[in-house]
């Protein structure tokens, strides 16, 4: 079975960052996060050499594989292929999805960051498996982040594309439900788990907010649009 033929649960998508992790190892945080309900892990390393990045990726891959959780590598398709990660996530300034697909083949999950409807439509047309939409709210995790898009963007893109949407940017347990109700299939978080003293408990709070938002009563009798993939 091809990886992207499998149904991926994007509900709680953890993006790693070693800065807010402080002295704790990413392996420990990822393990606790998965125990608390994380369903996808993205390894993001912006300032790490190739060899160190690969060593870290191989270690995290052992953890995610043991829990049958997909590992996504940020930006680096070479690292994703080398550690046999399930996918790679690309930004607007990275290799285009169409070209990444030629290299990765159909077995790899390809995610693309988008902040406009046009970017979303282009990424879907080029073969993206899911979209990271945002930043929805103000965030300090990425100093170079774009201005917040707000939740209307999620709703707009949801009406236009069929692939899963993951909201990202400034999401926490208090606003996670609003992201799901706006049409997202899941939420991506960094500091809401990585920077917390108890990552597992933080993940449980987020999953609770997600599950609550998906209950019919929280939609006033209306169902949130869902992807067909």
C-alpha atoms as a PDB file:
ATOM      1  CA  UNK A   1       0.000   0.000   0.000  1.00  0.00           C
ATOM      2  CA  UNK A   2       1.283   3.468  -0.846  1.00  0.00           C
ATOM      3  CA  UNK A   3       1.833   5.715   2.158  1.00  0.00           C
ATOM      4  CA  UNK A   4      -0.414   8.452   0.813  1.00  0.00           C
ATOM      5  CA  UNK A   5      -3.187   5.910   0.122  1.00  0.00           C
ATOM      6  CA  UNK A   6      -3.355   5.333   3.869  1.00  0.00           C
ATOM      7  CA  UNK A   7      -5.691   7.490   5.900  1.00  0.00           C
ATOM      8  CA  UNK A   8      -3.505   9.841   7.912  1.00  0.00           C
ATOM      9  CA  UNK A   9      -4.875  11.322  11.120  1.00  0.00           C
ATOM     10  CA  UNK A  10      -3.738  14.955  11.132  1.00  0.00           C
ATOM     11  CA  UNK A  11      -5.657  15.824  14.318  1.00  0.00           C
ATOM     12  CA  UNK A  12      -2.684  16.845  16.466  1.00  0.00           C
ATOM     13  CA  UNK A  13       0.415  17.606  14.432  1.00  0.00           C
ATOM     14  CA  UNK A  14       3.519  18.297  16.525  1.00  0.00           C
ATOM     15  CA  UNK A  15       6.276  20.446  15.002  1.00  0.00           C
ATOM     16  CA  UNK A  16       9.554  20.227  16.902  1.00  0.00           C
ATOM     17  CA  UNK A  17      11.796  23.100  17.918  1.00  0.00           C
ATOM     18  CA  UNK A  18      14.834  22.617  20.116  1.00  0.00           C
ATOM     19  CA  UNK A  19      14.920  26.229  21.350  1.00  0.00           C
ATOM     20  CA  UNK A  20      11.747  26.143  23.493  1.00  0.00           C
ATOM     21  CA  UNK A  21      12.620  22.555  24.434  1.00  0.00           C
ATOM     22  CA  UNK A  22      15.504  24.006  26.475  1.00  0.00           C
ATOM     23  CA  UNK A  23      17.569  21.224  28.078  1.00  0.00           C
ATOM     24  CA  UNK A  24      15.070  18.426  27.439  1.00  0.00           C
ATOM     25  CA  UNK A  25      15.708  16.046  24.560  1.00  0.00           C
ATOM     26  CA  UNK A  26      13.387  16.082  21.566  1.00  0.00           C
ATOM     27  CA  UNK A  27      13.088  12.327  21.874  1.00  0.00           C
ATOM     28  CA  UNK A  28      11.622  12.661  25.358  1.00  0.00           C
ATOM     29  CA  UNK A  29       9.217  15.417  24.279  1.00  0.00           C
ATOM     30  CA  UNK A  30       8.080  13.514  21.183  1.00  0.00           C
ATOM     31  CA  UNK A  31       7.506  10.341  23.200  1.00  0.00           C
ATOM     32  CA  UNK A  32       5.446  12.175  25.825  1.00  0.00           C
ATOM     33  CA  UNK A  33       3.530  14.051  23.142  1.00  0.00           C
ATOM     34  CA  UNK A  34       2.611  10.844  21.343  1.00  0.00           C
ATOM     35  CA  UNK A  35       1.483   9.305  24.630  1.00  0.00           C
ATOM     36  CA  UNK A  36      -0.762  12.340  25.119  1.00  0.00           C
ATOM     37  CA  UNK A  37      -2.378  12.126  21.699  1.00  0.00           C
ATOM     38  CA  UNK A  38      -0.035  13.528  19.036  1.00  0.00           C
ATOM     39  CA  UNK A  39      -0.867  11.900  15.684  1.00  0.00           C
ATOM     40  CA  UNK A  40       1.867  13.299  13.388  1.00  0.00           C
ATOM     41  CA  UNK A  41       5.379  14.548  14.129  1.00  0.00           C
ATOM     42  CA  UNK A  42       7.293  17.011  11.981  1.00  0.00           C
ATOM     43  CA  UNK A  43      11.016  17.346  12.648  1.00  0.00           C
ATOM     44  CA  UNK A  44      12.110  20.918  11.931  1.00  0.00           C
ATOM     45  CA  UNK A  45      15.780  21.868  12.150  1.00  0.00           C
ATOM     46  CA  UNK A  46      16.667  25.170  10.498  1.00  0.00           C
ATOM     47  CA  UNK A  47      20.204  25.593  11.805  1.00  0.00           C
ATOM     48  CA  UNK A  48      21.576  22.068  11.957  1.00  0.00           C
ATOM     49  CA  UNK A  49      24.175  20.501   9.673  1.00  0.00           C
ATOM     50  CA  UNK A  50      23.184  17.621   7.441  1.00  0.00           C
ATOM     51  CA  UNK A  51      24.945  14.901   9.414  1.00  0.00           C
ATOM     52  CA  UNK A  52      23.557  16.024  12.774  1.00  0.00           C
ATOM     53  CA  UNK A  53      20.096  16.482  11.272  1.00  0.00           C
ATOM     54  CA  UNK A  54      20.168  12.957   9.883  1.00  0.00           C
ATOM     55  CA  UNK A  55      21.345  11.465  13.190  1.00  0.00           C
ATOM     56  CA  UNK A  56      18.524  13.253  14.991  1.00  0.00           C
ATOM     57  CA  UNK A  57      15.991  12.180  12.368  1.00  0.00           C
ATOM     58  CA  UNK A  58      17.018   8.533  12.653  1.00  0.00           C
ATOM     59  CA  UNK A  59      16.510   8.657  16.415  1.00  0.00           C
ATOM     60  CA  UNK A  60      13.092  10.324  16.185  1.00  0.00           C
ATOM     61  CA  UNK A  61      12.082   7.875  13.442  1.00  0.00           C
ATOM     62  CA  UNK A  62      12.594   4.972  15.838  1.00  0.00           C
ATOM     63  CA  UNK A  63      10.196   6.604  18.298  1.00  0.00           C
ATOM     64  CA  UNK A  64       7.508   7.412  15.743  1.00  0.00           C
ATOM     65  CA  UNK A  65       7.742   4.014  14.051  1.00  0.00           C
ATOM     66  CA  UNK A  66       7.304   2.228  17.372  1.00  0.00           C
ATOM     67  CA  UNK A  67       4.031   4.130  17.853  1.00  0.00           C
ATOM     68  CA  UNK A  68       2.975   3.895  14.177  1.00  0.00           C
ATOM     69  CA  UNK A  69       2.994   7.697  13.931  1.00  0.00           C
ATOM     70  CA  UNK A  70       4.054   9.340  10.632  1.00  0.00           C
ATOM     71  CA  UNK A  71       7.299  11.326  10.702  1.00  0.00           C
ATOM     72  CA  UNK A  72       7.450  14.367   8.428  1.00  0.00           C
ATOM     73  CA  UNK A  73      10.741  16.173   7.760  1.00  0.00           C
ATOM     74  CA  UNK A  74      10.629  19.929   7.310  1.00  0.00           C
ATOM     75  CA  UNK A  75      12.180  21.247   4.070  1.00  0.00           C
ATOM     76  CA  UNK A  76      14.834  18.575   3.618  1.00  0.00           C
ATOM     77  CA  UNK A  77      13.742  15.951   1.116  1.00  0.00           C
ATOM     78  CA  UNK A  78      17.193  14.358   1.236  1.00  0.00           C
ATOM     79  CA  UNK A  79      16.928  13.809   4.993  1.00  0.00           C
ATOM     80  CA  UNK A  80      13.397  12.461   4.632  1.00  0.00           C
ATOM     81  CA  UNK A  81      14.524   9.914   2.060  1.00  0.00           C
ATOM     82  CA  UNK A  82      17.639   8.962   4.011  1.00  0.00           C
ATOM     83  CA  UNK A  83      15.813   8.229   7.280  1.00  0.00           C
ATOM     84  CA  UNK A  84      12.809   6.690   5.468  1.00  0.00           C
ATOM     85  CA  UNK A  85      10.421   9.240   6.937  1.00  0.00           C
ATOM     86  CA  UNK A  86       6.818   9.046   5.804  1.00  0.00           C
ATOM     87  CA  UNK A  87       6.844  12.550   4.392  1.00  0.00           C
ATOM     88  CA  UNK A  88       8.361  15.970   3.830  1.00  0.00           C
ATOM     89  CA  UNK A  89       6.865  19.415   4.419  1.00  0.00           C
ATOM     90  CA  UNK A  90       7.715  22.218   2.001  1.00  0.00           C
ATOM     91  CA  UNK A  91       7.474  25.974   2.357  1.00  0.00           C
ATOM     92  CA  UNK A  92       6.742  28.417  -0.439  1.00  0.00           C
ATOM     93  CA  UNK A  93      10.468  29.044  -0.921  1.00  0.00           C
ATOM     94  CA  UNK A  94      11.433  25.368  -0.936  1.00  0.00           C
ATOM     95  CA  UNK A  95      11.473  22.936  -3.825  1.00  0.00           C
ATOM     96  CA  UNK A  96       8.142  22.944  -5.641  1.00  0.00           C
ATOM     97  CA  UNK A  97       5.768  20.113  -4.824  1.00  0.00           C
ATOM     98  CA  UNK A  98       5.674  18.966  -8.447  1.00  0.00           C
ATOM     99  CA  UNK A  99       9.447  18.482  -8.535  1.00  0.00           C
ATOM    100  CA  UNK A 100       9.585  16.948  -5.054  1.00  0.00           C
ATOM    101  CA  UNK A 101       7.019  14.378  -6.174  1.00  0.00           C
ATOM    102  CA  UNK A 102       9.240  13.368  -9.091  1.00  0.00           C
ATOM    103  CA  UNK A 103      12.051  12.595  -6.670  1.00  0.00           C
ATOM    104  CA  UNK A 104      10.034  11.147  -3.795  1.00  0.00           C
ATOM    105  CA  UNK A 105       7.560   9.117  -5.836  1.00  0.00           C
ATOM    106  CA  UNK A 106       3.977   8.438  -4.848  1.00  0.00           C
ATOM    107  CA  UNK A 107       4.838   6.714  -1.576  1.00  0.00           C
ATOM    108  CA  UNK A 108       5.854   9.848   0.309  1.00  0.00           C
ATOM    109  CA  UNK A 109       3.468  12.299   1.987  1.00  0.00           C
ATOM    110  CA  UNK A 110       4.016  15.834   0.698  1.00  0.00           C
ATOM    111  CA  UNK A 111       2.772  18.769   2.748  1.00  0.00           C
ATOM    112  CA  UNK A 112       2.936  22.416   1.693  1.00  0.00           C
ATOM    113  CA  UNK A 113       2.676  25.614   3.745  1.00  0.00           C
ATOM    114  CA  UNK A 114       0.164  28.106   2.346  1.00  0.00           C
ATOM    115  CA  UNK A 115      -1.109  31.496   3.454  1.00  0.00           C
ATOM    116  CA  UNK A 116      -3.418  32.376   0.541  1.00  0.00           C
ATOM    117  CA  UNK A 117      -6.133  30.664  -1.464  1.00  0.00           C
ATOM    118  CA  UNK A 118      -4.054  30.841  -4.654  1.00  0.00           C
ATOM    119  CA  UNK A 119      -1.153  29.063  -2.953  1.00  0.00           C
ATOM    120  CA  UNK A 120      -3.531  26.383  -1.705  1.00  0.00           C
ATOM    121  CA  UNK A 121      -5.032  25.765  -5.135  1.00  0.00           C
ATOM    122  CA  UNK A 122      -1.575  25.607  -6.721  1.00  0.00           C
ATOM    123  CA  UNK A 123      -0.253  23.147  -4.122  1.00  0.00           C
ATOM    124  CA  UNK A 124      -3.240  20.839  -4.529  1.00  0.00           C
ATOM    125  CA  UNK A 125      -2.872  20.953  -8.314  1.00  0.00           C
ATOM    126  CA  UNK A 126       0.811  20.036  -8.015  1.00  0.00           C
ATOM    127  CA  UNK A 127       0.066  16.959  -5.923  1.00  0.00           C
ATOM    128  CA  UNK A 128       0.273  17.998  -2.270  1.00  0.00           C
ATOM    129  CA  UNK A 129      -1.261  15.495   0.156  1.00  0.00           C
ATOM    130  CA  UNK A 130      -2.144  18.092   2.800  1.00  0.00           C
ATOM    131  CA  UNK A 131      -1.768  21.814   3.429  1.00  0.00           C
ATOM    132  CA  UNK A 132      -0.401  23.655   6.451  1.00  0.00           C
ATOM    133  CA  UNK A 133      -2.501  26.834   6.584  1.00  0.00           C
ATOM    134  CA  UNK A 134      -1.397  29.928   8.455  1.00  0.00           C
ATOM    135  CA  UNK A 135      -0.116  31.525  10.523  1.00  0.00           C
ATOM    136  CA  UNK A 136      -3.666  31.763  11.842  1.00  0.00           C
ATOM    137  CA  UNK A 137      -2.759  33.665  15.004  1.00  0.00           C
ATOM    138  CA  UNK A 138       0.261  35.668  16.109  1.00  0.00           C
ATOM    139  CA  UNK A 139       3.206  33.455  16.960  1.00  0.00           C
ATOM    140  CA  UNK A 140       6.677  33.956  18.420  1.00  0.00           C
ATOM    141  CA  UNK A 141       7.927  30.542  17.285  1.00  0.00           C
ATOM    142  CA  UNK A 142       8.973  31.791  13.842  1.00  0.00           C
ATOM    143  CA  UNK A 143      10.567  35.261  13.918  1.00  0.00           C
ATOM    144  CA  UNK A 144      10.049  35.553  10.135  1.00  0.00           C
ATOM    145  CA  UNK A 145       6.408  34.461  10.216  1.00  0.00           C
ATOM    146  CA  UNK A 146       3.891  36.244   8.009  1.00  0.00           C
ATOM    147  CA  UNK A 147       1.142  38.387   9.590  1.00  0.00           C
ATOM    148  CA  UNK A 148      -1.738  36.316  11.047  1.00  0.00           C
ATOM    149  CA  UNK A 149      -4.280  35.272   8.421  1.00  0.00           C
ATOM    150  CA  UNK A 150      -7.201  34.658  10.769  1.00  0.00           C
ATOM    151  CA  UNK A 151      -9.668  31.793  10.682  1.00  0.00           C
ATOM    152  CA  UNK A 152     -11.544  32.982   7.596  1.00  0.00           C
ATOM    153  CA  UNK A 153      -8.675  31.685   5.470  1.00  0.00           C
ATOM    154  CA  UNK A 154      -9.247  28.130   6.711  1.00  0.00           C
ATOM    155  CA  UNK A 155     -12.933  28.333   5.791  1.00  0.00           C
ATOM    156  CA  UNK A 156     -12.148  29.819   2.381  1.00  0.00           C
ATOM    157  CA  UNK A 157      -9.590  27.155   1.514  1.00  0.00           C
ATOM    158  CA  UNK A 158     -11.799  24.382   2.899  1.00  0.00           C
ATOM    159  CA  UNK A 159     -14.500  25.308   0.381  1.00  0.00           C
ATOM    160  CA  UNK A 160     -12.008  25.230  -2.482  1.00  0.00           C
ATOM    161  CA  UNK A 161      -9.797  22.157  -1.968  1.00  0.00           C
ATOM    162  CA  UNK A 162     -10.338  18.492  -1.217  1.00  0.00           C
ATOM    163  CA  UNK A 163      -7.111  17.572   0.591  1.00  0.00           C
ATOM    164  CA  UNK A 164      -6.667  17.772   4.398  1.00  0.00           C
ATOM    165  CA  UNK A 165      -5.950  21.122   6.039  1.00  0.00           C
ATOM    166  CA  UNK A 166      -3.815  21.626   9.140  1.00  0.00           C
ATOM    167  CA  UNK A 167      -4.050  24.993  10.849  1.00  0.00           C
ATOM    168  CA  UNK A 168      -0.808  26.393  12.260  1.00  0.00           C
ATOM    169  CA  UNK A 169       0.430  29.486  14.048  1.00  0.00           C
ATOM    170  CA  UNK A 170      -0.278  30.549  17.616  1.00  0.00           C
ATOM    171  CA  UNK A 171      -2.640  27.648  18.331  1.00  0.00           C
ATOM    172  CA  UNK A 172      -3.231  26.516  21.906  1.00  0.00           C
ATOM    173  CA  UNK A 173      -5.862  24.625  23.884  1.00  0.00           C
ATOM    174  CA  UNK A 174      -8.036  27.750  24.117  1.00  0.00           C
ATOM    175  CA  UNK A 175      -8.326  28.457  20.374  1.00  0.00           C
ATOM    176  CA  UNK A 176      -7.802  24.959  18.950  1.00  0.00           C
ATOM    177  CA  UNK A 177     -11.522  24.274  18.823  1.00  0.00           C
ATOM    178  CA  UNK A 178     -12.190  27.350  16.694  1.00  0.00           C
ATOM    179  CA  UNK A 179      -9.648  26.128  14.133  1.00  0.00           C
ATOM    180  CA  UNK A 180     -11.389  22.764  13.825  1.00  0.00           C
ATOM    181  CA  UNK A 181     -14.818  24.379  13.610  1.00  0.00           C
ATOM    182  CA  UNK A 182     -13.541  26.598  10.802  1.00  0.00           C
ATOM    183  CA  UNK A 183     -12.879  23.521   8.670  1.00  0.00           C
ATOM    184  CA  UNK A 184      -9.401  22.267   9.557  1.00  0.00           C
ATOM    185  CA  UNK A 185      -8.734  18.541   9.774  1.00  0.00           C
ATOM    186  CA  UNK A 186      -6.145  19.138  12.457  1.00  0.00           C
ATOM    187  CA  UNK A 187      -3.924  21.636  14.248  1.00  0.00           C
ATOM    188  CA  UNK A 188      -0.157  21.984  14.191  1.00  0.00           C
ATOM    189  CA  UNK A 189       1.549  23.190  17.352  1.00  0.00           C
ATOM    190  CA  UNK A 190       5.068  23.904  18.528  1.00  0.00           C
ATOM    191  CA  UNK A 191       5.342  25.716  21.863  1.00  0.00           C
ATOM    192  CA  UNK A 192       1.900  24.520  23.017  1.00  0.00           C
ATOM    193  CA  UNK A 193       3.575  21.136  23.544  1.00  0.00           C
ATOM    194  CA  UNK A 194       7.360  21.553  23.224  1.00  0.00           C
ATOM    195  CA  UNK A 195       7.647  24.458  25.665  1.00  0.00           C
ATOM    196  CA  UNK A 196       5.352  22.983  28.298  1.00  0.00           C
ATOM    197  CA  UNK A 197       6.710  21.360  31.475  1.00  0.00           C
ATOM    198  CA  UNK A 198       4.516  18.313  30.857  1.00  0.00           C
ATOM    199  CA  UNK A 199       4.245  17.744  27.068  1.00  0.00           C
ATOM    200  CA  UNK A 200       2.025  14.694  27.441  1.00  0.00           C
ATOM    201  CA  UNK A 201      -0.532  16.540  29.526  1.00  0.00           C
ATOM    202  CA  UNK A 202      -0.405  19.510  27.146  1.00  0.00           C
ATOM    203  CA  UNK A 203      -1.114  17.167  24.242  1.00  0.00           C
ATOM    204  CA  UNK A 204      -4.086  15.676  26.117  1.00  0.00           C
ATOM    205  CA  UNK A 205      -5.590  19.144  26.632  1.00  0.00           C
ATOM    206  CA  UNK A 206      -5.234  19.894  22.938  1.00  0.00           C
ATOM    207  CA  UNK A 207      -6.794  16.569  21.920  1.00  0.00           C
ATOM    208  CA  UNK A 208      -9.672  17.238  24.285  1.00  0.00           C
ATOM    209  CA  UNK A 209     -10.288  20.620  22.633  1.00  0.00           C
ATOM    210  CA  UNK A 210     -10.155  19.012  19.181  1.00  0.00           C
ATOM    211  CA  UNK A 211     -12.535  16.198  20.109  1.00  0.00           C
ATOM    212  CA  UNK A 212     -14.960  18.621  21.742  1.00  0.00           C
ATOM    213  CA  UNK A 213     -15.002  20.829  18.647  1.00  0.00           C
ATOM    214  CA  UNK A 214     -15.880  17.837  16.484  1.00  0.00           C
ATOM    215  CA  UNK A 215     -18.985  16.967  18.456  1.00  0.00           C
ATOM    216  CA  UNK A 216     -22.186  17.873  16.554  1.00  0.00           C
ATOM    217  CA  UNK A 217     -23.417  20.077  19.401  1.00  0.00           C
ATOM    218  CA  UNK A 218     -20.369  22.331  19.091  1.00  0.00           C
ATOM    219  CA  UNK A 219     -21.293  23.077  15.478  1.00  0.00           C
ATOM    220  CA  UNK A 220     -24.871  24.125  16.292  1.00  0.00           C
ATOM    221  CA  UNK A 221     -26.162  21.209  14.277  1.00  0.00           C
ATOM    222  CA  UNK A 222     -23.839  21.841  11.325  1.00  0.00           C
ATOM    223  CA  UNK A 223     -21.130  19.465  10.271  1.00  0.00           C
ATOM    224  CA  UNK A 224     -17.644  20.715   9.593  1.00  0.00           C
ATOM    225  CA  UNK A 225     -16.621  20.110   5.970  1.00  0.00           C
ATOM    226  CA  UNK A 226     -14.261  17.176   5.766  1.00  0.00           C
ATOM    227  CA  UNK A 227     -11.687  16.246   3.174  1.00  0.00           C
ATOM    228  CA  UNK A 228     -12.293  13.421   0.765  1.00  0.00           C
ATOM    229  CA  UNK A 229      -8.824  11.999   1.226  1.00  0.00           C
END
